Amino acid sequence: TMCNTTTTTNNENEQQNNNEDIKNDVVQKDELKVFYKYYYPFENIYNWLTHFGNDDFKKREISYADNDIVVRHKSYSTYEKFKKYVIAKNPDKIDIGPMYSYDPEKQGMYMG
């Protein structure tokens, strides 16, 4: 009986340690804001997506997820505008979407 109690206590401690590890893996919103402000490679991503200079970035869809709410059809003419939006909104997730033949923010104007 004594051995069983010890095993249960060890299992409980292991479970508690696992729960703490999971909590430590979650990025907090304030940490994410610091990451976007100081470390996220906005200019590098812009250069990569525009092949260092073409005008296609404003035709690229960028979407965001924050608290299970998705914002789609965003686009930017410069990486500075992209950076300003991301830092202000502080999304949980950024998705780089497809290229359109037009500005994705104006998609309603092109649909019948």
PDB file of N, CA and C in Angstrom:
ATOM      1  N   THR A   1       0.829  -1.189   0.000  1.00  0.00           N
ATOM      2  CA  THR A   1       0.000   0.000   0.000  1.00  0.00           C
ATOM      3  C   THR A   1       0.872   1.251   0.000  1.00  0.00           C
ATOM      4  N   MET A   2       1.916   1.230   0.777  1.00  0.00           N
ATOM      5  CA  MET A   2       2.820   2.364   0.822  1.00  0.00           C
ATOM      6  C   MET A   2       3.425   2.631  -0.558  1.00  0.00           C
ATOM      7  N   CYS A   3       3.782   1.578  -1.271  1.00  0.00           N
ATOM      8  CA  CYS A   3       4.376   1.694  -2.600  1.00  0.00           C
ATOM      9  C   CYS A   3       3.374   2.299  -3.590  1.00  0.00           C
ATOM     10  N   ASN A   4       2.112   1.895  -3.507  1.00  0.00           N
ATOM     11  CA  ASN A   4       1.075   2.435  -4.379  1.00  0.00           C
ATOM     12  C   ASN A   4       0.903   3.939  -4.198  1.00  0.00           C
ATOM     13  N   THR A   5       0.910   4.416  -2.982  1.00  0.00           N
ATOM     14  CA  THR A   5       0.748   5.831  -2.688  1.00  0.00           C
ATOM     15  C   THR A   5       1.908   6.623  -3.275  1.00  0.00           C
ATOM     16  N   THR A   6       3.098   6.087  -3.152  1.00  0.00           N
ATOM     17  CA  THR A   6       4.277   6.747  -3.699  1.00  0.00           C
ATOM     18  C   THR A   6       4.182   6.833  -5.216  1.00  0.00           C
ATOM     19  N   THR A   7       3.739   5.781  -5.855  1.00  0.00           N
ATOM     20  CA  THR A   7       3.582   5.766  -7.305  1.00  0.00           C
ATOM     21  C   THR A   7       2.558   6.809  -7.737  1.00  0.00           C
ATOM     22  N   THR A   8       1.446   6.896  -7.053  1.00  0.00           N
ATOM     23  CA  THR A   8       0.417   7.884  -7.373  1.00  0.00           C
ATOM     24  C   THR A   8       0.970   9.290  -7.215  1.00  0.00           C
ATOM     25  N   THR A   9       1.694   9.532  -6.157  1.00  0.00           N
ATOM     26  CA  THR A   9       2.271  10.852  -5.926  1.00  0.00           C
ATOM     27  C   THR A   9       3.270  11.195  -7.027  1.00  0.00           C
ATOM     28  N   ASN A  10       4.099  10.231  -7.426  1.00  0.00           N
ATOM     29  CA  ASN A  10       5.043  10.471  -8.510  1.00  0.00           C
ATOM     30  C   ASN A  10       4.319  10.770  -9.819  1.00  0.00           C
ATOM     31  N   ASN A  11       3.232  10.027 -10.096  1.00  0.00           N
ATOM     32  CA  ASN A  11       2.448  10.279 -11.304  1.00  0.00           C
ATOM     33  C   ASN A  11       1.808  11.663 -11.274  1.00  0.00           C
ATOM     34  N   GLU A  12       1.321  12.083 -10.122  1.00  0.00           N
ATOM     35  CA  GLU A  12       0.727  13.410  -9.990  1.00  0.00           C
ATOM     36  C   GLU A  12       1.777  14.496 -10.220  1.00  0.00           C
ATOM     37  N   ASN A  13       2.972  14.291  -9.663  1.00  0.00           N
ATOM     38  CA  ASN A  13       4.052  15.260  -9.863  1.00  0.00           C
ATOM     39  C   ASN A  13       4.453  15.342 -11.328  1.00  0.00           C
ATOM     40  N   GLU A  14       4.517  14.194 -11.990  1.00  0.00           N
ATOM     41  CA  GLU A  14       4.869  14.164 -13.404  1.00  0.00           C
ATOM     42  C   GLU A  14       3.826  14.910 -14.232  1.00  0.00           C
ATOM     43  N   GLN A  15       2.536  14.695 -13.926  1.00  0.00           N
ATOM     44  CA  GLN A  15       1.451  15.377 -14.636  1.00  0.00           C
ATOM     45  C   GLN A  15       1.538  16.885 -14.410  1.00  0.00           C
ATOM     46  N   GLN A  16       1.816  17.290 -13.176  1.00  0.00           N
ATOM     47  CA  GLN A  16       1.921  18.712 -12.865  1.00  0.00           C
ATOM     48  C   GLN A  16       3.096  19.332 -13.636  1.00  0.00           C
ATOM     49  N   ASN A  17       4.216  18.624 -13.710  1.00  0.00           N
ATOM     50  CA  ASN A  17       5.365  19.122 -14.468  1.00  0.00           C
ATOM     51  C   ASN A  17       5.035  19.243 -15.951  1.00  0.00           C
ATOM     52  N   ASN A  18       4.291  18.275 -16.495  1.00  0.00           N
ATOM     53  CA  ASN A  18       3.878  18.339 -17.902  1.00  0.00           C
ATOM     54  C   ASN A  18       2.988  19.546 -18.159  1.00  0.00           C
ATOM     55  N   ASN A  19       2.058  19.822 -17.228  1.00  0.00           N
ATOM     56  CA  ASN A  19       1.169  20.979 -17.362  1.00  0.00           C
ATOM     57  C   ASN A  19       1.959  22.282 -17.336  1.00  0.00           C
ATOM     58  N   GLU A  20       2.973  22.362 -16.475  1.00  0.00           N
ATOM     59  CA  GLU A  20       3.807  23.560 -16.409  1.00  0.00           C
ATOM     60  C   GLU A  20       4.605  23.737 -17.685  1.00  0.00           C
ATOM     61  N   ASP A  21       5.095  22.632 -18.255  1.00  0.00           N
ATOM     62  CA  ASP A  21       5.835  22.706 -19.511  1.00  0.00           C
ATOM     63  C   ASP A  21       4.939  23.240 -20.625  1.00  0.00           C
ATOM     64  N   ILE A  22       3.690  22.786 -20.675  1.00  0.00           N
ATOM     65  CA  ILE A  22       2.748  23.252 -21.690  1.00  0.00           C
ATOM     66  C   ILE A  22       2.500  24.745 -21.514  1.00  0.00           C
ATOM     67  N   LYS A  23       2.302  25.201 -20.272  1.00  0.00           N
ATOM     68  CA  LYS A  23       2.079  26.626 -20.023  1.00  0.00           C
ATOM     69  C   LYS A  23       3.284  27.452 -20.467  1.00  0.00           C
ATOM     70  N   ASN A  24       4.477  26.940 -20.228  1.00  0.00           N
ATOM     71  CA  ASN A  24       5.684  27.669 -20.593  1.00  0.00           C
ATOM     72  C   ASN A  24       5.877  27.746 -22.105  1.00  0.00           C
ATOM     73  N   ASP A  25       5.292  26.816 -22.860  1.00  0.00           N
ATOM     74  CA  ASP A  25       5.405  26.818 -24.313  1.00  0.00           C
ATOM     75  C   ASP A  25       4.462  27.823 -24.975  1.00  0.00           C
ATOM     76  N   VAL A  26       3.467  28.298 -24.268  1.00  0.00           N
ATOM     77  CA  VAL A  26       2.500  29.233 -24.825  1.00  0.00           C
ATOM     78  C   VAL A  26       3.120  30.627 -24.851  1.00  0.00           C
ATOM     79  N   VAL A  27       3.082  31.257 -26.019  1.00  0.00           N
ATOM     80  CA  VAL A  27       3.617  32.602 -26.154  1.00  0.00           C
ATOM     81  C   VAL A  27       2.559  33.588 -25.673  1.00  0.00           C
ATOM     82  N   GLN A  28       2.954  34.470 -24.805  1.00  0.00           N
ATOM     83  CA  GLN A  28       2.049  35.482 -24.280  1.00  0.00           C
ATOM     84  C   GLN A  28       1.950  36.645 -25.273  1.00  0.00           C
ATOM     85  N   LYS A  29       0.811  37.338 -25.276  1.00  0.00           N
ATOM     86  CA  LYS A  29       0.580  38.433 -26.223  1.00  0.00           C
ATOM     87  C   LYS A  29       1.640  39.535 -26.104  1.00  0.00           C
ATOM     88  N   ASP A  30       2.063  39.852 -24.883  1.00  0.00           N
ATOM     89  CA  ASP A  30       3.076  40.901 -24.730  1.00  0.00           C
ATOM     90  C   ASP A  30       4.429  40.452 -25.290  1.00  0.00           C
ATOM     91  N   GLU A  31       4.732  39.160 -25.186  1.00  0.00           N
ATOM     92  CA  GLU A  31       5.964  38.627 -25.774  1.00  0.00           C
ATOM     93  C   GLU A  31       5.887  38.663 -27.304  1.00  0.00           C
ATOM     94  N   LEU A  32       4.721  38.372 -27.824  1.00  0.00           N
ATOM     95  CA  LEU A  32       4.518  38.389 -29.264  1.00  0.00           C
ATOM     96  C   LEU A  32       4.686  39.807 -29.812  1.00  0.00           C
ATOM     97  N   LYS A  33       4.183  40.783 -29.091  1.00  0.00           N
ATOM     98  CA  LYS A  33       4.320  42.179 -29.513  1.00  0.00           C
ATOM     99  C   LYS A  33       5.797  42.592 -29.579  1.00  0.00           C
ATOM    100  N   VAL A  34       6.577  42.171 -28.592  1.00  0.00           N
ATOM    101  CA  VAL A  34       8.017  42.450 -28.594  1.00  0.00           C
ATOM    102  C   VAL A  34       8.677  41.763 -29.787  1.00  0.00           C
ATOM    103  N   PHE A  35       8.280  40.524 -30.042  1.00  0.00           N
ATOM    104  CA  PHE A  35       8.830  39.787 -31.182  1.00  0.00           C
ATOM    105  C   PHE A  35       8.551  40.529 -32.492  1.00  0.00           C
ATOM    106  N   TYR A  36       7.292  40.931 -32.696  1.00  0.00           N
ATOM    107  CA  TYR A  36       6.954  41.642 -33.925  1.00  0.00           C
ATOM    108  C   TYR A  36       7.696  42.977 -34.016  1.00  0.00           C
ATOM    109  N   LYS A  37       7.785  43.681 -32.938  1.00  0.00           N
ATOM    110  CA  LYS A  37       8.390  45.014 -32.953  1.00  0.00           C
ATOM    111  C   LYS A  37       9.900  44.971 -33.203  1.00  0.00           C
ATOM    112  N   TYR A  38      10.592  43.990 -32.606  1.00  0.00           N
ATOM    113  CA  TYR A  38      12.052  44.005 -32.651  1.00  0.00           C
ATOM    114  C   TYR A  38      12.712  42.882 -33.456  1.00  0.00           C
ATOM    115  N   TYR A  39      12.009  41.779 -33.684  1.00  0.00           N
ATOM    116  CA  TYR A  39      12.676  40.618 -34.276  1.00  0.00           C
ATOM    117  C   TYR A  39      12.060  40.084 -35.566  1.00  0.00           C
ATOM    118  N   TYR A  40      10.797  40.309 -35.808  1.00  0.00           N
ATOM    119  CA  TYR A  40      10.158  39.749 -37.004  1.00  0.00           C
ATOM    120  C   TYR A  40      10.792  40.360 -38.252  1.00  0.00           C
ATOM    121  N   PRO A  41      11.170  39.557 -39.229  1.00  0.00           N
ATOM    122  CA  PRO A  41      11.925  40.062 -40.385  1.00  0.00           C
ATOM    123  C   PRO A  41      11.038  40.648 -41.490  1.00  0.00           C
ATOM    124  N   PHE A  42      10.327  41.716 -41.177  1.00  0.00           N
ATOM    125  CA  PHE A  42       9.404  42.316 -42.147  1.00  0.00           C
ATOM    126  C   PHE A  42      10.085  42.652 -43.473  1.00  0.00           C
ATOM    127  N   GLU A  43      11.218  43.325 -43.411  1.00  0.00           N
ATOM    128  CA  GLU A  43      11.891  43.744 -44.645  1.00  0.00           C
ATOM    129  C   GLU A  43      12.383  42.536 -45.443  1.00  0.00           C
ATOM    130  N   ASN A  44      12.901  41.532 -44.761  1.00  0.00           N
ATOM    131  CA  ASN A  44      13.355  40.317 -45.454  1.00  0.00           C
ATOM    132  C   ASN A  44      12.198  39.600 -46.143  1.00  0.00           C
ATOM    133  N   ILE A  45      11.065  39.511 -45.471  1.00  0.00           N
ATOM    134  CA  ILE A  45       9.891  38.869 -46.067  1.00  0.00           C
ATOM    135  C   ILE A  45       9.413  39.672 -47.280  1.00  0.00           C
ATOM    136  N   TYR A  46       9.384  40.981 -47.123  1.00  0.00           N
ATOM    137  CA  TYR A  46       9.003  41.854 -48.238  1.00  0.00           C
ATOM    138  C   TYR A  46       9.935  41.637 -49.427  1.00  0.00           C
ATOM    139  N   ASN A  47      11.245  41.639 -49.181  1.00  0.00           N
ATOM    140  CA  ASN A  47      12.219  41.441 -50.263  1.00  0.00           C
ATOM    141  C   ASN A  47      12.058  40.075 -50.918  1.00  0.00           C
ATOM    142  N   TRP A  48      11.815  39.072 -50.119  1.00  0.00           N
ATOM    143  CA  TRP A  48      11.625  37.718 -50.648  1.00  0.00           C
ATOM    144  C   TRP A  48      10.383  37.650 -51.540  1.00  0.00           C
ATOM    145  N   LEU A  49       9.283  38.231 -51.072  1.00  0.00           N
ATOM    146  CA  LEU A  49       8.023  38.151 -51.813  1.00  0.00           C
ATOM    147  C   LEU A  49       7.980  39.069 -53.028  1.00  0.00           C
ATOM    148  N   THR A  50       8.813  40.089 -53.050  1.00  0.00           N
ATOM    149  CA  THR A  50       8.834  41.003 -54.196  1.00  0.00           C
ATOM    150  C   THR A  50      10.040  40.747 -55.093  1.00  0.00           C
ATOM    151  N   HIS A  51      10.782  39.714 -54.793  1.00  0.00           N
ATOM    152  CA  HIS A  51      11.996  39.407 -55.561  1.00  0.00           C
ATOM    153  C   HIS A  51      12.903  40.625 -55.625  1.00  0.00           C
ATOM    154  N   PHE A  52      12.998  41.316 -54.483  1.00  0.00           N
ATOM    155  CA  PHE A  52      13.880  42.477 -54.324  1.00  0.00           C
ATOM    156  C   PHE A  52      13.556  43.612 -55.285  1.00  0.00           C
ATOM    157  N   GLY A  53      12.295  43.991 -55.312  1.00  0.00           N
ATOM    158  CA  GLY A  53      12.015  45.226 -56.010  1.00  0.00           C
ATOM    159  C   GLY A  53      10.798  45.317 -56.901  1.00  0.00           C
ATOM    160  N   ASN A  54      10.186  44.219 -57.311  1.00  0.00           N
ATOM    161  CA  ASN A  54       9.016  44.406 -58.170  1.00  0.00           C
ATOM    162  C   ASN A  54       7.843  44.913 -57.322  1.00  0.00           C
ATOM    163  N   ASP A  55       6.771  45.247 -57.961  1.00  0.00           N
ATOM    164  CA  ASP A  55       5.653  45.931 -57.312  1.00  0.00           C
ATOM    165  C   ASP A  55       4.553  44.968 -56.865  1.00  0.00           C
ATOM    166  N   ASP A  56       4.859  43.687 -56.732  1.00  0.00           N
ATOM    167  CA  ASP A  56       3.826  42.681 -56.499  1.00  0.00           C
ATOM    168  C   ASP A  56       3.336  42.568 -55.054  1.00  0.00           C
ATOM    169  N   PHE A  57       4.010  43.172 -54.105  1.00  0.00           N
ATOM    170  CA  PHE A  57       3.613  42.987 -52.705  1.00  0.00           C
ATOM    171  C   PHE A  57       2.180  43.459 -52.459  1.00  0.00           C
ATOM    172  N   LYS A  58       1.763  44.514 -53.126  1.00  0.00           N
ATOM    173  CA  LYS A  58       0.395  45.022 -52.929  1.00  0.00           C
ATOM    174  C   LYS A  58      -0.662  44.109 -53.539  1.00  0.00           C
ATOM    175  N   LYS A  59      -0.232  43.113 -54.316  1.00  0.00           N
ATOM    176  CA  LYS A  59      -1.162  42.137 -54.881  1.00  0.00           C
ATOM    177  C   LYS A  59      -1.134  40.811 -54.125  1.00  0.00           C
ATOM    178  N   ARG A  60      -0.352  40.751 -53.079  1.00  0.00           N
ATOM    179  CA  ARG A  60      -0.213  39.536 -52.273  1.00  0.00           C
ATOM    180  C   ARG A  60      -1.196  39.596 -51.106  1.00  0.00           C
ATOM    181  N   GLU A  61      -1.982  38.546 -50.938  1.00  0.00           N
ATOM    182  CA  GLU A  61      -2.900  38.494 -49.790  1.00  0.00           C
ATOM    183  C   GLU A  61      -2.136  38.090 -48.532  1.00  0.00           C
ATOM    184  N   ILE A  62      -2.329  38.866 -47.487  1.00  0.00           N
ATOM    185  CA  ILE A  62      -1.806  38.532 -46.162  1.00  0.00           C
ATOM    186  C   ILE A  62      -3.032  38.392 -45.267  1.00  0.00           C
ATOM    187  N   SER A  63      -3.103  37.297 -44.543  1.00  0.00           N
ATOM    188  CA  SER A  63      -4.231  37.114 -43.621  1.00  0.00           C
ATOM    189  C   SER A  63      -3.699  36.876 -42.218  1.00  0.00           C
ATOM    190  N   TYR A  64      -4.565  37.104 -41.261  1.00  0.00           N
ATOM    191  CA  TYR A  64      -4.186  37.028 -39.855  1.00  0.00           C
ATOM    192  C   TYR A  64      -5.226  36.239 -39.080  1.00  0.00           C
ATOM    193  N   ALA A  65      -4.779  35.585 -38.031  1.00  0.00           N
ATOM    194  CA  ALA A  65      -5.692  34.929 -37.098  1.00  0.00           C
ATOM    195  C   ALA A  65      -5.370  35.446 -35.708  1.00  0.00           C
ATOM    196  N   ASP A  66      -6.413  35.765 -34.981  1.00  0.00           N
ATOM    197  CA  ASP A  66      -6.259  36.244 -33.615  1.00  0.00           C
ATOM    198  C   ASP A  66      -7.481  35.801 -32.823  1.00  0.00           C
ATOM    199  N   ASN A  67      -7.259  34.987 -31.812  1.00  0.00           N
ATOM    200  CA  ASN A  67      -8.363  34.447 -31.002  1.00  0.00           C
ATOM    201  C   ASN A  67      -9.422  33.788 -31.881  1.00  0.00           C
ATOM    202  N   ASP A  68      -8.982  32.990 -32.832  1.00  0.00           N
ATOM    203  CA  ASP A  68      -9.842  32.244 -33.753  1.00  0.00           C
ATOM    204  C   ASP A  68     -10.660  33.122 -34.695  1.00  0.00           C
ATOM    205  N   ILE A  69     -10.318  34.384 -34.806  1.00  0.00           N
ATOM    206  CA  ILE A  69     -10.945  35.273 -35.780  1.00  0.00           C
ATOM    207  C   ILE A  69      -9.941  35.497 -36.895  1.00  0.00           C
ATOM    208  N   VAL A  70     -10.366  35.266 -38.132  1.00  0.00           N
ATOM    209  CA  VAL A  70      -9.468  35.391 -39.274  1.00  0.00           C
ATOM    210  C   VAL A  70      -9.799  36.670 -40.048  1.00  0.00           C
ATOM    211  N   VAL A  71      -8.767  37.441 -40.343  1.00  0.00           N
ATOM    212  CA  VAL A  71      -8.895  38.640 -41.170  1.00  0.00           C
ATOM    213  C   VAL A  71      -8.182  38.336 -42.476  1.00  0.00           C
ATOM    214  N   ARG A  72      -8.920  38.388 -43.583  1.00  0.00           N
ATOM    215  CA  ARG A  72      -8.343  38.055 -44.895  1.00  0.00           C
ATOM    216  C   ARG A  72      -8.310  39.272 -45.799  1.00  0.00           C
ATOM    217  N   HIS A  73      -7.685  39.071 -46.945  1.00  0.00           N
ATOM    218  CA  HIS A  73      -7.646  40.056 -48.034  1.00  0.00           C
ATOM    219  C   HIS A  73      -6.949  41.360 -47.649  1.00  0.00           C
ATOM    220  N   LYS A  74      -5.945  41.265 -46.797  1.00  0.00           N
ATOM    221  CA  LYS A  74      -5.141  42.434 -46.482  1.00  0.00           C
ATOM    222  C   LYS A  74      -3.963  42.464 -47.449  1.00  0.00           C
ATOM    223  N   SER A  75      -3.543  43.654 -47.814  1.00  0.00           N
ATOM    224  CA  SER A  75      -2.368  43.809 -48.666  1.00  0.00           C
ATOM    225  C   SER A  75      -1.732  45.158 -48.357  1.00  0.00           C
ATOM    226  N   TYR A  76      -0.468  45.296 -48.741  1.00  0.00           N
ATOM    227  CA  TYR A  76       0.295  46.493 -48.374  1.00  0.00           C
ATOM    228  C   TYR A  76       1.203  46.892 -49.527  1.00  0.00           C
ATOM    229  N   SER A  77       1.377  48.183 -49.688  1.00  0.00           N
ATOM    230  CA  SER A  77       2.252  48.670 -50.754  1.00  0.00           C
ATOM    231  C   SER A  77       3.715  48.706 -50.306  1.00  0.00           C
ATOM    232  N   THR A  78       3.960  48.713 -49.007  1.00  0.00           N
ATOM    233  CA  THR A  78       5.337  48.733 -48.491  1.00  0.00           C
ATOM    234  C   THR A  78       5.451  47.823 -47.272  1.00  0.00           C
ATOM    235  N   TYR A  79       6.679  47.423 -46.974  1.00  0.00           N
ATOM    236  CA  TYR A  79       6.867  46.617 -45.773  1.00  0.00           C
ATOM    237  C   TYR A  79       6.641  47.447 -44.518  1.00  0.00           C
ATOM    238  N   GLU A  80       6.843  48.766 -44.591  1.00  0.00           N
ATOM    239  CA  GLU A  80       6.600  49.629 -43.429  1.00  0.00           C
ATOM    240  C   GLU A  80       5.123  49.602 -43.028  1.00  0.00           C
ATOM    241  N   LYS A  81       4.228  49.619 -44.022  1.00  0.00           N
ATOM    242  CA  LYS A  81       2.786  49.558 -43.732  1.00  0.00           C
ATOM    243  C   LYS A  81       2.409  48.185 -43.174  1.00  0.00           C
ATOM    244  N   PHE A  82       3.001  47.156 -43.738  1.00  0.00           N
ATOM    245  CA  PHE A  82       2.805  45.790 -43.240  1.00  0.00           C
ATOM    246  C   PHE A  82       3.243  45.708 -41.771  1.00  0.00           C
ATOM    247  N   LYS A  83       4.422  46.214 -41.475  1.00  0.00           N
ATOM    248  CA  LYS A  83       4.967  46.188 -40.115  1.00  0.00           C
ATOM    249  C   LYS A  83       4.079  46.980 -39.147  1.00  0.00           C
ATOM    250  N   LYS A  84       3.656  48.163 -39.561  1.00  0.00           N
ATOM    251  CA  LYS A  84       2.813  49.016 -38.712  1.00  0.00           C
ATOM    252  C   LYS A  84       1.506  48.305 -38.346  1.00  0.00           C
ATOM    253  N   TYR A  85       0.891  47.659 -39.342  1.00  0.00           N
ATOM    254  CA  TYR A  85      -0.367  46.947 -39.092  1.00  0.00           C
ATOM    255  C   TYR A  85      -0.154  45.786 -38.119  1.00  0.00           C
ATOM    256  N   VAL A  86       0.874  44.983 -38.368  1.00  0.00           N
ATOM    257  CA  VAL A  86       1.123  43.804 -37.536  1.00  0.00           C
ATOM    258  C   VAL A  86       1.429  44.213 -36.088  1.00  0.00           C
ATOM    259  N   ILE A  87       2.251  45.211 -35.905  1.00  0.00           N
ATOM    260  CA  ILE A  87       2.575  45.647 -34.539  1.00  0.00           C
ATOM    261  C   ILE A  87       1.333  46.188 -33.841  1.00  0.00           C
ATOM    262  N   ALA A  88       0.499  46.916 -34.564  1.00  0.00           N
ATOM    263  CA  ALA A  88      -0.723  47.475 -33.962  1.00  0.00           C
ATOM    264  C   ALA A  88      -1.733  46.391 -33.603  1.00  0.00           C
ATOM    265  N   LYS A  89      -1.901  45.402 -34.475  1.00  0.00           N
ATOM    266  CA  LYS A  89      -2.921  44.359 -34.258  1.00  0.00           C
ATOM    267  C   LYS A  89      -2.405  43.179 -33.444  1.00  0.00           C
ATOM    268  N   ASN A  90      -1.100  42.928 -33.483  1.00  0.00           N
ATOM    269  CA  ASN A  90      -0.482  41.858 -32.685  1.00  0.00           C
ATOM    270  C   ASN A  90      -1.189  40.505 -32.858  1.00  0.00           C
ATOM    271  N   PRO A  91      -1.285  39.994 -34.103  1.00  0.00           N
ATOM    272  CA  PRO A  91      -2.025  38.754 -34.342  1.00  0.00           C
ATOM    273  C   PRO A  91      -1.298  37.517 -33.817  1.00  0.00           C
ATOM    274  N   ASP A  92      -2.064  36.470 -33.563  1.00  0.00           N
ATOM    275  CA  ASP A  92      -1.494  35.190 -33.140  1.00  0.00           C
ATOM    276  C   ASP A  92      -0.808  34.482 -34.306  1.00  0.00           C
ATOM    277  N   LYS A  93      -1.273  34.755 -35.517  1.00  0.00           N
ATOM    278  CA  LYS A  93      -0.781  34.030 -36.691  1.00  0.00           C
ATOM    279  C   LYS A  93      -0.829  34.933 -37.912  1.00  0.00           C
ATOM    280  N   ILE A  94       0.189  34.820 -38.763  1.00  0.00           N
ATOM    281  CA  ILE A  94       0.233  35.535 -40.029  1.00  0.00           C
ATOM    282  C   ILE A  94       0.353  34.490 -41.135  1.00  0.00           C
ATOM    283  N   ASP A  95      -0.505  34.586 -42.140  1.00  0.00           N
ATOM    284  CA  ASP A  95      -0.436  33.690 -43.299  1.00  0.00           C
ATOM    285  C   ASP A  95      -0.142  34.509 -44.541  1.00  0.00           C
ATOM    286  N   ILE A  96       0.810  34.040 -45.323  1.00  0.00           N
ATOM    287  CA  ILE A  96       1.116  34.661 -46.603  1.00  0.00           C
ATOM    288  C   ILE A  96       0.321  33.908 -47.652  1.00  0.00           C
ATOM    289  N   GLY A  97      -0.560  34.637 -48.316  1.00  0.00           N
ATOM    290  CA  GLY A  97      -1.475  34.000 -49.258  1.00  0.00           C
ATOM    291  C   GLY A  97      -1.045  34.153 -50.698  1.00  0.00           C
ATOM    292  N   PRO A  98      -1.994  33.937 -51.595  1.00  0.00           N
ATOM    293  CA  PRO A  98      -1.692  33.944 -53.034  1.00  0.00           C
ATOM    294  C   PRO A  98      -1.504  35.347 -53.584  1.00  0.00           C
ATOM    295  N   MET A  99      -1.002  35.380 -54.801  1.00  0.00           N
ATOM    296  CA  MET A  99      -0.898  36.621 -55.569  1.00  0.00           C
ATOM    297  C   MET A  99      -2.174  36.760 -56.388  1.00  0.00           C
ATOM    298  N   TYR A 100      -2.686  37.964 -56.448  1.00  0.00           N
ATOM    299  CA  TYR A 100      -3.832  38.271 -57.288  1.00  0.00           C
ATOM    300  C   TYR A 100      -3.374  39.173 -58.428  1.00  0.00           C
ATOM    301  N   SER A 101      -4.209  39.334 -59.416  1.00  0.00           N
ATOM    302  CA  SER A 101      -3.894  40.272 -60.492  1.00  0.00           C
ATOM    303  C   SER A 101      -4.326  41.687 -60.115  1.00  0.00           C
ATOM    304  N   TYR A 102      -4.855  41.834 -58.899  1.00  0.00           N
ATOM    305  CA  TYR A 102      -5.339  43.117 -58.383  1.00  0.00           C
ATOM    306  C   TYR A 102      -5.079  43.154 -56.885  1.00  0.00           C
ATOM    307  N   ASP A 103      -5.310  44.281 -56.279  1.00  0.00           N
ATOM    308  CA  ASP A 103      -5.159  44.462 -54.840  1.00  0.00           C
ATOM    309  C   ASP A 103      -6.237  43.651 -54.114  1.00  0.00           C
ATOM    310  N   PRO A 104      -5.871  42.670 -53.284  1.00  0.00           N
ATOM    311  CA  PRO A 104      -6.870  41.829 -52.606  1.00  0.00           C
ATOM    312  C   PRO A 104      -7.860  42.601 -51.741  1.00  0.00           C
ATOM    313  N   GLU A 105      -7.453  43.756 -51.227  1.00  0.00           N
ATOM    314  CA  GLU A 105      -8.378  44.551 -50.407  1.00  0.00           C
ATOM    315  C   GLU A 105      -9.530  45.111 -51.232  1.00  0.00           C
ATOM    316  N   LYS A 106      -9.357  45.139 -52.552  1.00  0.00           N
ATOM    317  CA  LYS A 106     -10.391  45.667 -53.437  1.00  0.00           C
ATOM    318  C   LYS A 106     -11.116  44.551 -54.168  1.00  0.00           C
ATOM    319  N   GLN A 107     -11.054  43.345 -53.633  1.00  0.00           N
ATOM    320  CA  GLN A 107     -11.604  42.183 -54.336  1.00  0.00           C
ATOM    321  C   GLN A 107     -13.085  42.327 -54.634  1.00  0.00           C
ATOM    322  N   GLY A 108     -13.867  42.968 -53.784  1.00  0.00           N
ATOM    323  CA  GLY A 108     -15.288  43.128 -54.012  1.00  0.00           C
ATOM    324  C   GLY A 108     -15.603  43.931 -55.268  1.00  0.00           C
ATOM    325  N   MET A 109     -14.682  44.805 -55.643  1.00  0.00           N
ATOM    326  CA  MET A 109     -14.870  45.638 -56.836  1.00  0.00           C
ATOM    327  C   MET A 109     -14.742  44.824 -58.121  1.00  0.00           C
ATOM    328  N   TYR A 110     -14.062  43.673 -58.031  1.00  0.00           N
ATOM    329  CA  TYR A 110     -13.779  42.886 -59.220  1.00  0.00           C
ATOM    330  C   TYR A 110     -14.688  41.664 -59.363  1.00  0.00           C
ATOM    331  N   MET A 111     -15.530  41.438 -58.378  1.00  0.00           N
ATOM    332  CA  MET A 111     -16.389  40.263 -58.415  1.00  0.00           C
ATOM    333  C   MET A 111     -17.775  40.661 -58.916  1.00  0.00           C
ATOM    334  N   GLY A 112     -18.359  39.812 -59.734  1.00  0.00           N
ATOM    335  CA  GLY A 112     -19.644  40.107 -60.354  1.00  0.00           C
ATOM    336  C   GLY A 112     -20.720  39.979 -59.417  1.00  0.00           C
TER     337      GLY A 112
END
